[in-house]
C-alpha atoms as a PDB file:
ATOM      1  CA  ARG A   1     112.519  66.337  76.581  1.00  0.00           C
ATOM      2  CA  PHE A   2     112.401  69.384  78.484  1.00  0.00           C
ATOM      3  CA  TYR A   3     110.766  72.659  77.072  1.00  0.00           C
ATOM      4  CA  LEU A   4     111.190  76.109  78.159  1.00  0.00           C
ATOM      5  CA  MET A   5     109.211  79.175  76.811  1.00  0.00           C
ATOM      6  CA  TRP A   6     109.818  82.399  78.373  1.00  0.00           C
ATOM      7  CA  THR A   7     106.977  85.229  78.790  1.00  0.00           C
ATOM      8  CA  THR A   8     108.666  87.037  76.002  1.00  0.00           C
ATOM      9  CA  GLU A   9     108.341  84.222  73.542  1.00  0.00           C
ATOM     10  CA  ASN A  10     104.498  83.578  74.322  1.00  0.00           C
ATOM     11  CA  PRO A  11     102.571  84.864  71.072  1.00  0.00           C
ATOM     12  CA  HIS A  12      99.394  85.195  73.192  1.00  0.00           C
ATOM     13  CA  VAL A  13     100.529  87.818  75.479  1.00  0.00           C
ATOM     14  CA  SER A  14     101.033  91.322  74.098  1.00  0.00           C
ATOM     15  CA  GLN A  15     104.863  91.803  74.091  1.00  0.00           C
ATOM     16  CA  GLU A  16     104.522  95.587  73.899  1.00  0.00           C
ATOM     17  CA  ARG A  17     103.015  95.333  77.413  1.00  0.00           C
ATOM     18  CA  VAL A  18     105.560  92.983  78.639  1.00  0.00           C
ATOM     19  CA  GLN A  19     108.318  95.179  77.503  1.00  0.00           C
ATOM     20  CA  GLU A  20     106.544  98.407  79.265  1.00  0.00           C
ATOM     21  CA  GLU A  21     106.239  96.214  82.295  1.00  0.00           C
ATOM     22  CA  ILE A  22     109.717  94.770  82.365  1.00  0.00           C
ATOM     23  CA  GLN A  23     111.086  98.736  82.760  1.00  0.00           C
ATOM     24  CA  LEU A  24     109.079  98.981  85.900  1.00  0.00           C
ATOM     25  CA  MET A  25     110.389  95.433  87.716  1.00  0.00           C
ATOM     26  CA  SER A  26     113.361  94.959  89.572  1.00  0.00           C
ATOM     27  CA  THR A  27     116.018  92.412  88.526  1.00  0.00           C
ATOM     28  CA  GLN A  28     114.596  90.113  91.127  1.00  0.00           C
ATOM     29  CA  GLU A  29     110.871  90.803  89.723  1.00  0.00           C
ATOM     30  CA  ILE A  30     112.502  90.075  85.950  1.00  0.00           C
ATOM     31  CA  MET A  31     113.817  86.635  86.954  1.00  0.00           C
ATOM     32  CA  CYS A  32     110.682  85.514  88.856  1.00  0.00           C
ATOM     33  CA  ARG A  33     108.040  86.733  86.337  1.00  0.00           C
ATOM     34  CA  ILE A  34     109.458  86.562  83.169  1.00  0.00           C
ATOM     35  CA  PHE A  35     111.853  83.642  83.332  1.00  0.00           C
ATOM     36  CA  GLY A  36     109.927  81.753  85.913  1.00  0.00           C
ATOM     37  CA  MET A  37     113.033  81.141  88.322  1.00  0.00           C
ATOM     38  CA  PRO A  38     112.352  80.667  91.797  1.00  0.00           C
ATOM     39  CA  THR A  39     113.503  83.665  93.674  1.00  0.00           C
ATOM     40  CA  VAL A  40     112.321  85.331  97.156  1.00  0.00           C
ATOM     41  CA  LEU A  41     111.037  88.749  96.205  1.00  0.00           C
ATOM     42  CA  SER A  42     112.174  91.535  98.867  1.00  0.00           C
ATOM     43  CA  GLY A  43     112.654  94.954  99.063  1.00  0.00           C
ATOM     44  CA  LYS A  44     110.150  97.972  98.301  1.00  0.00           C
ATOM     45  CA  LEU A  45     107.053  97.326  96.713  1.00  0.00           C
ATOM     46  CA  LEU A  46     107.598 100.501  94.648  1.00  0.00           C
ATOM     47  CA  PRO A  47     111.167 100.522  93.843  1.00  0.00           C
ATOM     48  CA  GLN A  48     111.073 103.598  91.676  1.00  0.00           C
ATOM     49  CA  PHE A  49     110.088 105.946  94.380  1.00  0.00           C
ATOM     50  CA  ASN A  50     112.711 108.508  95.392  1.00  0.00           C
ATOM     51  CA  LYS A  51     112.378 111.013  97.784  1.00  0.00           C
ATOM     52  CA  HIS A  52     114.663 113.331  95.938  1.00  0.00           C
ATOM     53  CA  ILE A  53     112.644 112.836  92.651  1.00  0.00           C
ATOM     54  CA  HIS A  54     109.051 112.468  93.779  1.00  0.00           C
ATOM     55  CA  LEU A  55     108.573 114.772  96.892  1.00  0.00           C
ATOM     56  CA  MET A  56     107.695 118.542  95.847  1.00  0.00           C
ATOM     57  CA  PRO A  57     106.634 121.702  97.743  1.00  0.00           C
ATOM     58  CA  LEU A  58     102.896 122.127  98.066  1.00  0.00           C
ATOM     59  CA  ASP A  59     103.370 125.590  96.291  1.00  0.00           C
ATOM     60  CA  GLU A  60     104.659 123.894  93.211  1.00  0.00           C
ATOM     61  CA  VAL A  61     101.250 122.127  92.521  1.00  0.00           C
ATOM     62  CA  PRO A  62      99.850 123.690  89.456  1.00  0.00           C
ATOM     63  CA  LYS A  63      96.448 125.883  89.941  1.00  0.00           C
ATOM     64  CA  ASP A  64      94.455 124.360  87.142  1.00  0.00           C
ATOM     65  CA  ILE A  65      93.619 120.947  88.815  1.00  0.00           C
ATOM     66  CA  VAL A  66      91.091 118.678  89.800  1.00  0.00           C
ATOM     67  CA  LEU A  67      90.849 116.908  92.982  1.00  0.00           C
ATOM     68  CA  TRP A  68      90.183 113.219  93.578  1.00  0.00           C
ATOM     69  CA  HIS A  69      89.609 111.557  96.777  1.00  0.00           C
ATOM     70  CA  ILE A  70      91.143 107.775  97.167  1.00  0.00           C
ATOM     71  CA  LEU A  71      89.969 105.597 100.032  1.00  0.00           C
ATOM     72  CA  ASP A  72      91.018 101.991 101.189  1.00  0.00           C
ATOM     73  CA  PRO A  73      88.628 101.143 104.048  1.00  0.00           C
ATOM     74  CA  HIS A  74      89.220  98.534 106.680  1.00  0.00           C
ATOM     75  CA  ASP A  75      86.976  97.030 109.704  1.00  0.00           C
ATOM     76  CA  VAL A  76      90.172  96.900 111.866  1.00  0.00           C
ATOM     77  CA  ARG A  77      92.903  99.122 110.627  1.00  0.00           C
ATOM     78  CA  PRO A  78      92.722 102.731 110.046  1.00  0.00           C
ATOM     79  CA  TRP A  79      91.180 103.772 106.875  1.00  0.00           C
ATOM     80  CA  ALA A  80      93.941 104.620 104.587  1.00  0.00           C
ATOM     81  CA  MET A  81      93.050 107.828 102.460  1.00  0.00           C
ATOM     82  CA  GLN A  82      94.669 110.261  99.905  1.00  0.00           C
ATOM     83  CA  TRP A  83      93.732 113.379  98.211  1.00  0.00           C
ATOM     84  CA  TRP A  84      95.080 113.932  94.607  1.00  0.00           C
ATOM     85  CA  ALA A  85      95.315 117.128  92.478  1.00  0.00           C
ATOM     86  CA  ILE A  86      95.718 116.052  88.889  1.00  0.00           C
ATOM     87  CA  ASP A  87      96.788 118.638  86.124  1.00  0.00           C
ATOM     88  CA  LYS A  88      96.222 118.962  82.343  1.00  0.00           C
ATOM     89  CA  THR A  89      99.207 116.627  81.733  1.00  0.00           C
ATOM     90  CA  ASP A  90      97.496 113.887  83.851  1.00  0.00           C
ATOM     91  CA  THR A  91     100.205 114.016  86.754  1.00  0.00           C
ATOM     92  CA  VAL A  92      99.365 113.420  89.873  1.00  0.00           C
ATOM     93  CA  TRP A  93     100.163 115.464  93.021  1.00  0.00           C
ATOM     94  CA  ILE A  94      99.347 114.174  96.234  1.00  0.00           C
ATOM     95  CA  VAL A  95      98.257 116.810  98.549  1.00  0.00           C
ATOM     96  CA  ASP A  96      97.040 115.378 101.602  1.00  0.00           C
ATOM     97  CA  GLU A  97      96.652 112.068 103.434  1.00  0.00           C
ATOM     98  CA  HIS A  98      95.400 110.265 106.167  1.00  0.00           C
ATOM     99  CA  PRO A  99      96.552 108.908 108.720  1.00  0.00           C
ATOM    100  CA  GLU A 100      99.449 111.359 108.754  1.00  0.00           C
ATOM    101  CA  LYS A 101     101.560 109.217 111.338  1.00  0.00           C
ATOM    102  CA  ASP A 102     102.797 105.876 111.056  1.00  0.00           C
ATOM    103  CA  PHE A 103     100.089 103.707 109.272  1.00  0.00           C
ATOM    104  CA  ASN A 104     102.064 100.470 109.963  1.00  0.00           C
ATOM    105  CA  GLY A 105     102.321 101.110 113.668  1.00  0.00           C
ATOM    106  CA  MET A 106      98.453 101.479 113.995  1.00  0.00           C
ATOM    107  CA  LEU A 107      97.193  98.175 114.419  1.00  0.00           C
ATOM    108  CA  ILE A 108      93.360  98.999 115.537  1.00  0.00           C
ATOM    109  CA  ASP A 109      91.370 101.662 114.520  1.00  0.00           C
ATOM    110  CA  ASP A 110      87.317 101.740 115.234  1.00  0.00           C
ATOM    111  CA  LYS A 111      86.180 104.904 114.350  1.00  0.00           C
ATOM    112  CA  PRO A 112      82.359 104.842 113.129  1.00  0.00           C
ATOM    113  CA  TYR A 113      81.657 106.038 109.466  1.00  0.00           C
ATOM    114  CA  ALA A 114      80.294 109.359 110.857  1.00  0.00           C
ATOM    115  CA  GLU A 115      83.531 110.306 112.544  1.00  0.00           C
ATOM    116  CA  TYR A 116      85.384 109.235 109.307  1.00  0.00           C
ATOM    117  CA  ALA A 117      83.063 111.446 107.271  1.00  0.00           C
ATOM    118  CA  GLU A 118      84.057 114.461 109.548  1.00  0.00           C
ATOM    119  CA  ILE A 119      87.516 113.684 109.107  1.00  0.00           C
ATOM    120  CA  ILE A 120      87.110 114.198 105.259  1.00  0.00           C
ATOM    121  CA  ARG A 121      84.974 117.033 105.662  1.00  0.00           C
ATOM    122  CA  GLN A 122      87.690 118.873 107.487  1.00  0.00           C
ATOM    123  CA  LYS A 123      90.431 117.787 105.260  1.00  0.00           C
ATOM    124  CA  GLU A 124      88.435 119.117 102.227  1.00  0.00           C
ATOM    125  CA  ALA A 125      87.717 122.430 103.852  1.00  0.00           C
ATOM    126  CA  VAL A 126      91.370 122.941 103.995  1.00  0.00           C
ATOM    127  CA  LEU A 127      92.023 121.887 100.545  1.00  0.00           C
ATOM    128  CA  LEU A 128      88.890 124.140  99.242  1.00  0.00           C
ATOM    129  CA  GLU A 129      90.852 127.074 100.844  1.00  0.00           C
ATOM    130  CA  ARG A 130      94.316 126.023  99.628  1.00  0.00           C
ATOM    131  CA  HIS A 131      93.470 125.132  95.807  1.00  0.00           C
ATOM    132  CA  ASN A 132      89.996 126.802  95.466  1.00  0.00           C
ATOM    133  CA  LYS A 133      88.699 123.445  94.328  1.00  0.00           C
ATOM    134  CA  ARG A 134      86.207 120.761  95.335  1.00  0.00           C
ATOM    135  CA  VAL A 135      86.632 116.928  95.061  1.00  0.00           C
ATOM    136  CA  VAL A 136      85.109 115.941  91.745  1.00  0.00           C
ATOM    137  CA  ASN A 137      85.948 111.961  92.136  1.00  0.00           C
ATOM    138  CA  ARG A 138      86.308 109.477  94.641  1.00  0.00           C
ATOM    139  CA  ILE A 139      87.741 106.201  94.336  1.00  0.00           C
ATOM    140  CA  ILE A 140      87.341 103.202  96.888  1.00  0.00           C
ATOM    141  CA  ASP A 141      88.950  99.686  96.956  1.00  0.00           C
ATOM    142  CA  PRO A 142      86.198  97.703  95.525  1.00  0.00           C
ATOM    143  CA  ASN A 143      86.737  94.713  97.917  1.00  0.00           C
ATOM    144  CA  PHE A 144      85.823  96.201 101.347  1.00  0.00           C
ATOM    145  CA  GLY A 145      83.753  98.855  99.685  1.00  0.00           C
ATOM    146  CA  ASN A 146      81.003  96.448  98.325  1.00  0.00           C
ATOM    147  CA  LYS A 147      81.753  93.834 101.194  1.00  0.00           C
ATOM    148  CA  SER A 148      78.279  93.179 102.877  1.00  0.00           C
ATOM    149  CA  VAL A 149      78.928  93.972 106.696  1.00  0.00           C
ATOM    150  CA  LYS A 150      76.652  94.213 109.640  1.00  0.00           C
ATOM    151  CA  ARG A 151      76.319  97.639 111.249  1.00  0.00           C
ATOM    152  CA  ALA A 152      77.470  97.512 114.826  1.00  0.00           C
ATOM    153  CA  ASP A 153      74.896  98.066 117.686  1.00  0.00           C
ATOM    154  CA  ARG A 154      76.432 101.655 118.427  1.00  0.00           C
ATOM    155  CA  GLU A 155      75.890 102.397 114.581  1.00  0.00           C
ATOM    156  CA  GLY A 156      71.979 101.612 115.019  1.00  0.00           C
ATOM    157  CA  GLY A 157      71.566  97.906 114.539  1.00  0.00           C
ATOM    158  CA  GLN A 158      72.439  94.723 112.778  1.00  0.00           C
ATOM    159  CA  SER A 159      71.067  95.605 109.324  1.00  0.00           C
ATOM    160  CA  LYS A 160      73.511  94.481 106.502  1.00  0.00           C
ATOM    161  CA  THR A 161      75.116  97.374 104.809  1.00  0.00           C
ATOM    162  CA  THR A 162      78.326  98.240 102.954  1.00  0.00           C
ATOM    163  CA  ALA A 163      81.069 100.683 103.100  1.00  0.00           C
ATOM    164  CA  LYS A 164      79.873 102.650  99.951  1.00  0.00           C
ATOM    165  CA  GLU A 165      76.272 102.663 101.091  1.00  0.00           C
ATOM    166  CA  GLU A 166      77.038 104.262 104.489  1.00  0.00           C
ATOM    167  CA  LEU A 167      79.203 106.718 103.085  1.00  0.00           C
ATOM    168  CA  LYS A 168      76.715 107.618 100.378  1.00  0.00           C
ATOM    169  CA  LYS A 169      74.328 108.299 103.032  1.00  0.00           C
ATOM    170  CA  LEU A 170      76.779 110.590 104.655  1.00  0.00           C
ATOM    171  CA  GLY A 171      77.167 112.666 101.327  1.00  0.00           C
ATOM    172  CA  PHE A 172      80.054 110.802  99.703  1.00  0.00           C
ATOM    173  CA  ARG A 173      79.599 108.865  96.493  1.00  0.00           C
ATOM    174  CA  PHE A 174      82.509 106.476  95.569  1.00  0.00           C
ATOM    175  CA  ASN A 175      83.625 104.630  92.482  1.00  0.00           C
ATOM    176  CA  ASP A 176      85.255 101.389  92.448  1.00  0.00           C
ATOM    177  CA  GLY A 177      88.943 101.315  91.915  1.00  0.00           C
ATOM    178  CA  ILE A 178      90.971  98.697  90.007  1.00  0.00           C
ATOM    179  CA  ASP A 179      90.474  95.260  91.319  1.00  0.00           C
ATOM    180  CA  ASN A 180      93.690  93.355  90.220  1.00  0.00           C
ATOM    181  CA  LEU A 181      96.578  93.748  92.744  1.00  0.00           C
ATOM    182  CA  HIS A 182      99.178  93.307  89.856  1.00  0.00           C
ATOM    183  CA  GLU A 183      97.721  95.999  87.542  1.00  0.00           C
ATOM    184  CA  GLY A 184      97.322  98.248  90.406  1.00  0.00           C
ATOM    185  CA  HIS A 185     100.895  98.084  91.310  1.00  0.00           C
ATOM    186  CA  MET A 186     101.974  98.792  87.855  1.00  0.00           C
ATOM    187  CA  ALA A 187      99.240 101.461  87.220  1.00  0.00           C
ATOM    188  CA  VAL A 188     101.224 102.978  90.571  1.00  0.00           C
ATOM    189  CA  ARG A 189     104.495 102.276  89.049  1.00  0.00           C
ATOM    190  CA  LYS A 190     103.872 103.769  85.666  1.00  0.00           C
ATOM    191  CA  LEU A 191     103.151 106.951  87.457  1.00  0.00           C
ATOM    192  CA  LEU A 192     106.285 106.824  89.461  1.00  0.00           C
ATOM    193  CA  TYR A 193     108.388 106.081  86.486  1.00  0.00           C
ATOM    194  CA  TRP A 194     111.151 108.141  85.713  1.00  0.00           C
ATOM    195  CA  LYS A 195     114.609 108.282  83.946  1.00  0.00           C
ATOM    196  CA  MET A 196     118.127 110.092  84.377  1.00  0.00           C
ATOM    197  CA  GLU A 197     120.754 110.364  81.865  1.00  0.00           C
ATOM    198  CA  LYS A 198     123.955 112.240  82.568  1.00  0.00           C
ATOM    199  CA  ASP A 199     122.444 114.008  85.590  1.00  0.00           C
ATOM    200  CA  GLU A 200     119.690 115.068  83.546  1.00  0.00           C
ATOM    201  CA  LEU A 201     115.867 114.045  84.018  1.00  0.00           C
ATOM    202  CA  VAL A 202     115.066 112.725  80.731  1.00  0.00           C
ATOM    203  CA  VAL A 203     111.768 111.489  81.771  1.00  0.00           C
ATOM    204  CA  ALA A 204     109.885 112.928  84.356  1.00  0.00           C
ATOM    205  CA  PRO A 205     107.528 111.056  86.893  1.00  0.00           C
ATOM    206  CA  HIS A 206     103.538 111.364  86.507  1.00  0.00           C
ATOM    207  CA  MET A 207     103.212 111.189  90.681  1.00  0.00           C
END
């Protein structure tokens, strides 16, 4: 005998959560993740993104916001950073980022911590002038952020440290972000989710 049980029939899984996640998946992902069909997942990581829906002029960012700084550091590739303005409805407005040029085309970047700290200060000086706000929360990828690494000779020796510790010395305290890749992708997809009916935006995105 051969038995099949779909994810949607599993009593030990929250079906409410499954239905929410299905709305955020492509047809290929549904076939793979929900029904276990072997398939080659291809295309965008965030299929909900639409430049006509999600790209907004900076002057439309509300004035009553708080600023967050998001950091994904690396030991070889450039550090990926974003600054988020979050309004009262928990809508995220991405108001700046680094690097501003083609990230995927930048294979090697070996800036020391102090140089990245200066980039952060310069970015946030502009944000302070534009939004009259200072950063109140900093989120870092917990994997590399807490990874024990040796300081290079040019950084002053071979003592073990972490990215979080080095940044703290430079005046930036970071909190750990989500440490589950699938949950992280789903969290961003929920923020990007939108729905159109008869040329009317009935569900507006939150990012």
